[in-house]
Amino acid sequence: MEHLYVISYDISEPKRWRRVFRIMKGYGEWLQLSVFQCRLSRARMLQLEAALGEAVNHHEDHVLIVDIGPAENVSPQVRSLGKTFTPVAREAVIV
């Protein structure tokens, strides 16, 4: 079962920020500068957490992971100004 996550991060060093950004692009859809929307299984979420845990400085950086709930049944209550917000849809991923 997949869950929908919103992940934001505050990385204090540009080199680490770029590394975290590249990691996140492999797991979700970029929404804003340091905010991603991800639709992930439990196993993929654990992989992402491990990759982020290795990439960040645990004394200087901050990653916030919000579990919105089961992706199939979630209907996030989001108000968006400007661009339209659309929850990430299930689609095939070619690795």
Protein backbone atom coordinates (compact mmCIF):
# COMPACT_ATOMS: atom_id res chain seq x y z
CA MET A 1 0.00 0.00 0.00
CA GLU A 2 1.35 3.42 -0.93
CA HIS A 3 1.06 6.57 1.13
CA LEU A 4 1.18 10.18 0.01
CA TYR A 5 3.95 12.21 1.67
CA VAL A 6 4.90 15.87 1.64
CA ILE A 7 8.60 16.29 2.33
CA SER A 8 10.33 19.59 2.93
CA TYR A 9 13.90 20.31 3.85
CA ASP A 10 16.13 23.11 5.06
CA ILE A 11 19.74 22.31 4.18
CA SER A 12 22.35 24.83 5.31
CA GLU A 13 25.11 24.05 2.77
CA PRO A 14 24.58 24.35 -1.03
CA LYS A 15 26.48 21.16 -1.93
CA ARG A 16 24.35 19.09 0.48
CA TRP A 17 21.19 20.88 -0.72
CA ARG A 18 21.93 19.81 -4.32
CA ARG A 19 22.56 16.25 -3.18
CA VAL A 20 19.27 16.11 -1.27
CA PHE A 21 17.44 17.65 -4.25
CA ARG A 22 18.83 14.94 -6.58
CA ILE A 23 17.81 12.22 -4.12
CA MET A 24 14.29 13.64 -3.85
CA LYS A 25 13.85 13.87 -7.63
CA GLY A 26 14.21 10.09 -7.72
CA TYR A 27 11.33 9.61 -5.29
CA GLY A 28 8.73 12.29 -5.92
CA GLU A 29 7.41 15.33 -7.69
CA TRP A 30 8.99 18.71 -7.06
CA LEU A 31 6.42 21.25 -5.82
CA GLN A 32 8.53 24.20 -4.67
CA LEU A 33 12.15 25.04 -3.92
CA SER A 34 12.58 22.55 -1.06
CA VAL A 35 9.22 20.76 -1.09
CA PHE A 36 8.35 17.45 -2.74
CA GLN A 37 5.22 15.34 -2.97
CA CYS A 38 5.88 11.60 -2.96
CA ARG A 39 3.71 8.54 -3.40
CA LEU A 40 5.67 5.69 -1.83
CA SER A 41 5.35 2.18 -0.47
CA ARG A 42 6.71 1.50 3.01
CA ALA A 43 9.86 -0.06 1.51
CA ARG A 44 10.51 2.94 -0.77
CA MET A 45 9.94 5.33 2.15
CA LEU A 46 12.55 3.46 4.20
CA GLN A 47 14.98 3.64 1.25
CA LEU A 48 14.38 7.39 0.96
CA GLU A 49 14.86 7.95 4.70
CA ALA A 50 18.14 6.01 4.61
CA ALA A 51 19.41 7.99 1.61
CA LEU A 52 18.46 11.30 3.23
CA GLY A 53 19.96 10.24 6.54
CA GLU A 54 23.32 9.74 4.83
CA ALA A 55 23.10 13.02 2.88
CA VAL A 56 22.21 15.50 5.62
CA ASN A 57 24.21 16.94 8.49
CA HIS A 58 22.15 15.94 11.51
CA HIS A 59 23.30 18.99 13.50
CA GLU A 60 22.71 21.66 10.83
CA ASP A 61 19.98 20.42 8.48
CA HIS A 62 16.29 19.63 8.86
CA VAL A 63 14.04 17.31 6.84
CA LEU A 64 10.32 17.22 7.59
CA ILE A 65 8.25 14.24 6.39
CA VAL A 66 4.46 14.52 6.57
CA ASP A 67 2.47 11.32 5.96
CA ILE A 68 -0.83 12.42 4.42
CA GLY A 69 -2.26 8.89 4.43
CA PRO A 70 -3.06 6.01 2.07
CA ALA A 71 -2.61 7.29 -1.48
CA GLU A 72 -5.65 5.48 -2.90
CA ASN A 73 -8.11 7.06 -0.47
CA VAL A 74 -6.47 10.38 0.34
CA SER A 75 -8.18 13.59 -0.57
CA PRO A 76 -5.85 16.26 0.80
CA GLN A 77 -7.47 19.50 1.84
CA VAL A 78 -5.04 21.88 0.16
CA ARG A 79 -5.57 25.54 -0.69
CA SER A 80 -3.24 26.70 -3.41
CA LEU A 81 -2.64 30.26 -4.56
CA GLY A 82 -1.17 30.52 -8.03
CA LYS A 83 -0.45 27.15 -9.63
CA THR A 84 -2.96 24.36 -9.13
CA PHE A 85 -2.05 21.60 -6.68
CA THR A 86 -2.66 18.07 -7.93
CA PRO A 87 -1.88 15.00 -5.77
CA VAL A 88 0.66 12.73 -7.41
CA ALA A 89 -1.03 9.93 -9.38
CA ARG A 90 0.02 6.30 -9.50
CA GLU A 91 2.09 5.55 -12.57
CA ALA A 92 4.65 3.02 -13.69
CA VAL A 93 8.25 3.72 -12.77
CA ILE A 94 10.98 2.41 -15.03
CA VAL A 95 14.23 1.81 -13.18
